């Protein structure tokens, strides 16, 4: 990869991870854990397979990613983050927090994957009654559902569906996130096309206080 040739920590970091798609590859390995090549292709809609191979080779050469051959019956290669790669997690968190201000609208060409709910949900939600009964919220955009589960162990978000959720939010991802953050009230969310089914009051238990959630405020900036 081409270097900036600047003796500067920011420039040296960008030499390693500043190329297009590189940080999104790291995002996938943070969000999903160790991934097969096909997992990365699925989580990076729009990337060319030769470009992904090129980026992975460079990340491995740079000591950010390592490969693990898995024997049969799996017979696959898993890509992992090294310790240096794991150290990029707070960088992604900071970028994600800063980027929330651009999430108030969605473009028709925007792609989405269910595991991308994980980071914003962790920013927007906080269980106000952790000793209360476990609850589940089904998030249902058109093609990539996810489940929020709150219990004494904390709040967990995972791809997929749950049988008989306590609450379901069905609609475009940007409306789901705006409702979870509190930027949209339930009434406003319904008026803009979101369908809420079940115990809507659960949002009061899980949404952060507006004064506390500066990130949520940034969504409406």
Protein backbone atom coordinates (compact mmCIF):
# COMPACT_ATOMS: atom_id res chain seq x y z
CA UNK A 1 0.00 0.00 0.00
CA UNK A 2 1.18 3.53 -0.71
CA UNK A 3 2.68 5.36 2.27
CA UNK A 4 2.22 8.99 3.22
CA UNK A 5 5.93 9.05 4.15
CA UNK A 6 5.17 11.25 7.17
CA UNK A 7 7.00 10.60 10.43
CA UNK A 8 3.77 11.08 12.38
CA UNK A 9 1.71 8.62 14.41
CA UNK A 10 -1.54 9.49 12.61
CA UNK A 11 0.09 9.06 9.21
CA UNK A 12 1.71 5.77 10.24
CA UNK A 13 -1.65 4.49 11.48
CA UNK A 14 -3.29 5.49 8.20
CA UNK A 15 -0.50 3.76 6.29
CA UNK A 16 -1.68 0.56 8.00
CA UNK A 17 -5.48 0.94 8.07
CA UNK A 18 -6.37 4.03 6.02
CA UNK A 19 -7.10 2.35 2.71
CA UNK A 20 -10.69 1.97 1.52
CA UNK A 21 -12.46 -1.05 3.10
CA UNK A 22 -9.67 -1.79 5.60
CA UNK A 23 -11.42 -0.46 8.70
CA UNK A 24 -14.66 -2.10 7.60
CA UNK A 25 -12.87 -5.46 7.43
CA UNK A 26 -11.72 -4.83 10.99
CA UNK A 27 -15.29 -3.82 11.90
CA UNK A 28 -16.50 -7.22 10.73
CA UNK A 29 -13.86 -9.08 12.74
CA UNK A 30 -14.77 -7.05 15.82
CA UNK A 31 -18.53 -7.49 15.34
CA UNK A 32 -18.58 -11.13 14.26
CA UNK A 33 -15.41 -12.53 15.76
CA UNK A 34 -13.22 -14.86 13.68
CA UNK A 35 -14.57 -15.01 10.12
CA UNK A 36 -14.30 -17.16 7.05
CA UNK A 37 -13.62 -15.41 3.77
CA UNK A 38 -17.28 -15.93 2.79
CA UNK A 39 -18.42 -14.36 6.08
CA UNK A 40 -16.39 -11.27 5.28
CA UNK A 41 -17.76 -11.10 1.74
CA UNK A 42 -21.31 -11.30 3.10
CA UNK A 43 -20.64 -8.61 5.70
CA UNK A 44 -19.00 -6.25 3.20
CA UNK A 45 -21.56 -5.78 0.41
CA UNK A 46 -19.96 -4.01 -2.53
CA UNK A 47 -16.37 -5.17 -2.07
CA UNK A 48 -14.70 -7.03 -4.94
CA UNK A 49 -13.33 -10.45 -4.00
CA UNK A 50 -9.85 -9.64 -5.31
CA UNK A 51 -9.79 -6.41 -3.30
CA UNK A 52 -10.79 -8.26 -0.11
CA UNK A 53 -8.02 -10.79 -0.69
CA UNK A 54 -5.53 -7.96 -1.25
CA UNK A 55 -6.60 -6.10 1.91
CA UNK A 56 -6.46 -9.28 4.03
CA UNK A 57 -2.98 -10.08 2.75
CA UNK A 58 -1.78 -6.58 3.65
CA UNK A 59 -3.39 -6.72 7.11
CA UNK A 60 -1.72 -10.06 7.74
CA UNK A 61 1.63 -8.70 6.58
CA UNK A 62 1.14 -5.69 8.88
CA UNK A 63 0.48 -7.90 11.92
CA UNK A 64 -3.17 -6.83 12.32
CA UNK A 65 -4.85 -10.06 11.15
CA UNK A 66 -3.80 -13.70 11.35
CA UNK A 67 -5.12 -16.80 9.60
CA UNK A 68 -6.08 -20.09 11.21
CA UNK A 69 -6.50 -23.14 8.97
CA UNK A 70 -9.41 -25.21 10.34
CA UNK A 71 -9.24 -28.95 9.47
CA UNK A 72 -12.16 -31.05 8.15
CA UNK A 73 -15.08 -31.33 8.50
CA UNK A 74 -15.04 -27.52 8.52
CA UNK A 75 -12.06 -27.28 6.14
CA UNK A 76 -11.87 -23.50 6.08
CA UNK A 77 -9.58 -20.62 6.94
CA UNK A 78 -10.60 -18.35 9.80
CA UNK A 79 -9.36 -14.77 9.98
CA UNK A 80 -8.67 -13.38 13.46
CA UNK A 81 -7.53 -10.04 14.82
CA UNK A 82 -4.09 -10.00 16.42
CA UNK A 83 -3.50 -8.07 19.65
CA UNK A 84 -2.68 -5.04 17.49
CA UNK A 85 -5.96 -5.52 15.67
CA UNK A 86 -7.89 -5.81 18.93
CA UNK A 87 -6.36 -2.48 19.97
CA UNK A 88 -8.36 -0.85 17.16
CA UNK A 89 -11.68 -1.49 18.95
CA UNK A 90 -11.72 1.91 20.73
CA UNK A 91 -10.84 3.56 17.41
CA UNK A 92 -13.93 1.97 15.83
CA UNK A 93 -16.03 2.96 18.85
CA UNK A 94 -14.88 6.57 18.52
CA UNK A 95 -15.56 6.60 14.77
CA UNK A 96 -18.96 5.01 15.34
CA UNK A 97 -19.87 7.58 17.97
CA UNK A 98 -18.75 10.45 15.75
CA UNK A 99 -20.57 8.96 12.74
CA UNK A 100 -23.95 8.77 14.50
CA UNK A 101 -24.64 12.36 13.45
CA UNK A 102 -24.87 11.17 9.84
CA UNK A 103 -27.35 8.36 10.57
CA UNK A 104 -30.59 10.35 10.77
CA UNK A 105 -31.37 9.57 7.13
CA UNK A 106 -30.88 6.50 4.98
CA UNK A 107 -30.24 6.51 1.25
CA UNK A 108 -31.96 4.05 -1.09
CA UNK A 109 -28.62 2.53 -2.05
CA UNK A 110 -27.51 1.96 1.57
CA UNK A 111 -26.91 -1.70 2.42
CA UNK A 112 -27.52 -3.15 5.89
CA UNK A 113 -26.64 -6.25 7.90
CA UNK A 114 -28.25 -7.31 11.17
CA UNK A 115 -25.00 -7.48 13.16
CA UNK A 116 -24.50 -3.77 12.46
CA UNK A 117 -27.20 -3.09 15.07
CA UNK A 118 -24.78 -4.17 17.81
CA UNK A 119 -22.71 -1.00 18.13
CA UNK A 120 -25.51 1.62 18.08
CA UNK A 121 -27.65 -0.47 20.44
CA UNK A 122 -24.77 -0.54 22.93
CA UNK A 123 -24.62 3.26 22.72
CA UNK A 124 -28.35 3.95 22.88
CA UNK A 125 -29.62 1.47 25.47
CA UNK A 126 -29.06 0.98 29.20
CA UNK A 127 -31.19 -1.30 31.35
CA UNK A 128 -32.78 0.80 34.11
CA UNK A 129 -34.11 -2.33 35.83
CA UNK A 130 -31.36 -4.95 35.52
CA UNK A 131 -32.94 -7.02 38.31
CA UNK A 132 -36.26 -7.10 36.48
CA UNK A 133 -37.50 -9.98 34.34
CA UNK A 134 -35.54 -10.75 31.15
CA UNK A 135 -36.99 -9.12 28.05
CA UNK A 136 -36.49 -9.47 24.32
CA UNK A 137 -37.01 -6.96 21.53
CA UNK A 138 -37.20 -8.14 17.94
CA UNK A 139 -35.75 -5.72 15.39
CA UNK A 140 -37.22 -6.46 11.96
CA UNK A 141 -35.88 -4.55 9.01
CA UNK A 142 -36.89 -6.19 5.76
CA UNK A 143 -34.11 -8.75 5.30
CA UNK A 144 -31.74 -8.76 8.29
CA UNK A 145 -33.49 -9.22 11.67
CA UNK A 146 -31.79 -8.97 15.05
CA UNK A 147 -32.75 -9.52 18.67
CA UNK A 148 -32.02 -7.38 21.73
CA UNK A 149 -32.03 -9.39 24.96
CA UNK A 150 -31.84 -7.66 28.36
CA UNK A 151 -31.21 -9.61 31.55
CA UNK A 152 -29.07 -9.51 34.69
CA UNK A 153 -26.11 -10.29 32.46
CA UNK A 154 -26.59 -7.05 30.54
CA UNK A 155 -27.88 -6.13 27.10
CA UNK A 156 -26.97 -8.43 24.22
CA UNK A 157 -27.71 -7.95 20.53
CA UNK A 158 -27.51 -10.83 18.06
CA UNK A 159 -28.66 -11.54 14.51
CA UNK A 160 -31.78 -13.63 14.01
CA UNK A 161 -35.24 -13.98 15.49
CA UNK A 162 -36.77 -14.96 18.82
CA UNK A 163 -40.08 -16.67 19.38
CA UNK A 164 -42.72 -14.47 21.08
CA UNK A 165 -40.65 -11.31 21.70
CA UNK A 166 -41.89 -8.83 24.29
CA UNK A 167 -41.72 -6.06 21.68
CA UNK A 168 -41.13 -5.95 17.94
CA UNK A 169 -40.01 -2.97 15.87
CA UNK A 170 -40.55 -3.53 12.16
CA UNK A 171 -39.41 -1.07 9.51
CA UNK A 172 -36.32 0.53 7.99
CA UNK A 173 -33.12 0.40 10.10
CA UNK A 174 -32.87 4.19 10.40
CA UNK A 175 -36.36 4.39 11.95
CA UNK A 176 -35.60 1.52 14.32
CA UNK A 177 -32.39 3.20 15.50
CA UNK A 178 -34.04 6.62 15.79
CA UNK A 179 -36.73 5.08 18.02
CA UNK A 180 -34.26 3.17 20.18
CA UNK A 181 -32.18 6.31 20.65
CA UNK A 182 -35.21 8.37 21.65
CA UNK A 183 -34.80 10.82 18.79
CA UNK A 184 -38.24 9.73 17.61
CA UNK A 185 -41.13 9.27 20.01
CA UNK A 186 -43.32 6.21 19.59
CA UNK A 187 -46.03 8.39 18.05
CA UNK A 188 -43.57 9.96 15.60
CA UNK A 189 -42.08 6.56 14.74
CA UNK A 190 -45.49 5.12 13.91
CA UNK A 191 -46.35 8.19 11.82
CA UNK A 192 -43.20 7.72 9.73
CA UNK A 193 -43.86 4.04 9.03
CA UNK A 194 -42.44 2.01 11.92
CA UNK A 195 -44.64 -0.79 13.28
CA UNK A 196 -44.41 -1.47 17.02
CA UNK A 197 -46.06 -4.61 18.38
CA UNK A 198 -46.11 -5.65 22.04
CA UNK A 199 -44.99 -3.89 25.21
CA UNK A 200 -43.97 -0.46 23.98
CA UNK A 201 -43.33 0.63 27.59
CA UNK A 202 -40.18 -1.48 27.53
CA UNK A 203 -38.52 1.36 25.65
CA UNK A 204 -38.77 3.44 28.83
CA UNK A 205 -36.87 0.73 30.71
CA UNK A 206 -34.08 0.42 28.16
CA UNK A 207 -33.58 3.84 26.60
CA UNK A 208 -30.93 6.05 28.13
CA UNK A 209 -31.86 9.35 29.72
CA UNK A 210 -31.59 12.13 27.14
CA UNK A 211 -29.20 14.10 29.34
CA UNK A 212 -27.02 11.05 29.69
CA UNK A 213 -27.10 9.96 26.04
CA UNK A 214 -25.07 12.61 24.25
CA UNK A 215 -24.74 10.13 21.40
CA UNK A 216 -28.48 9.97 20.99
CA UNK A 217 -28.58 13.76 20.87
CA UNK A 218 -25.96 13.65 18.12
CA UNK A 219 -28.31 11.58 15.97
CA UNK A 220 -30.60 14.55 15.71
CA UNK A 221 -27.82 17.03 15.05
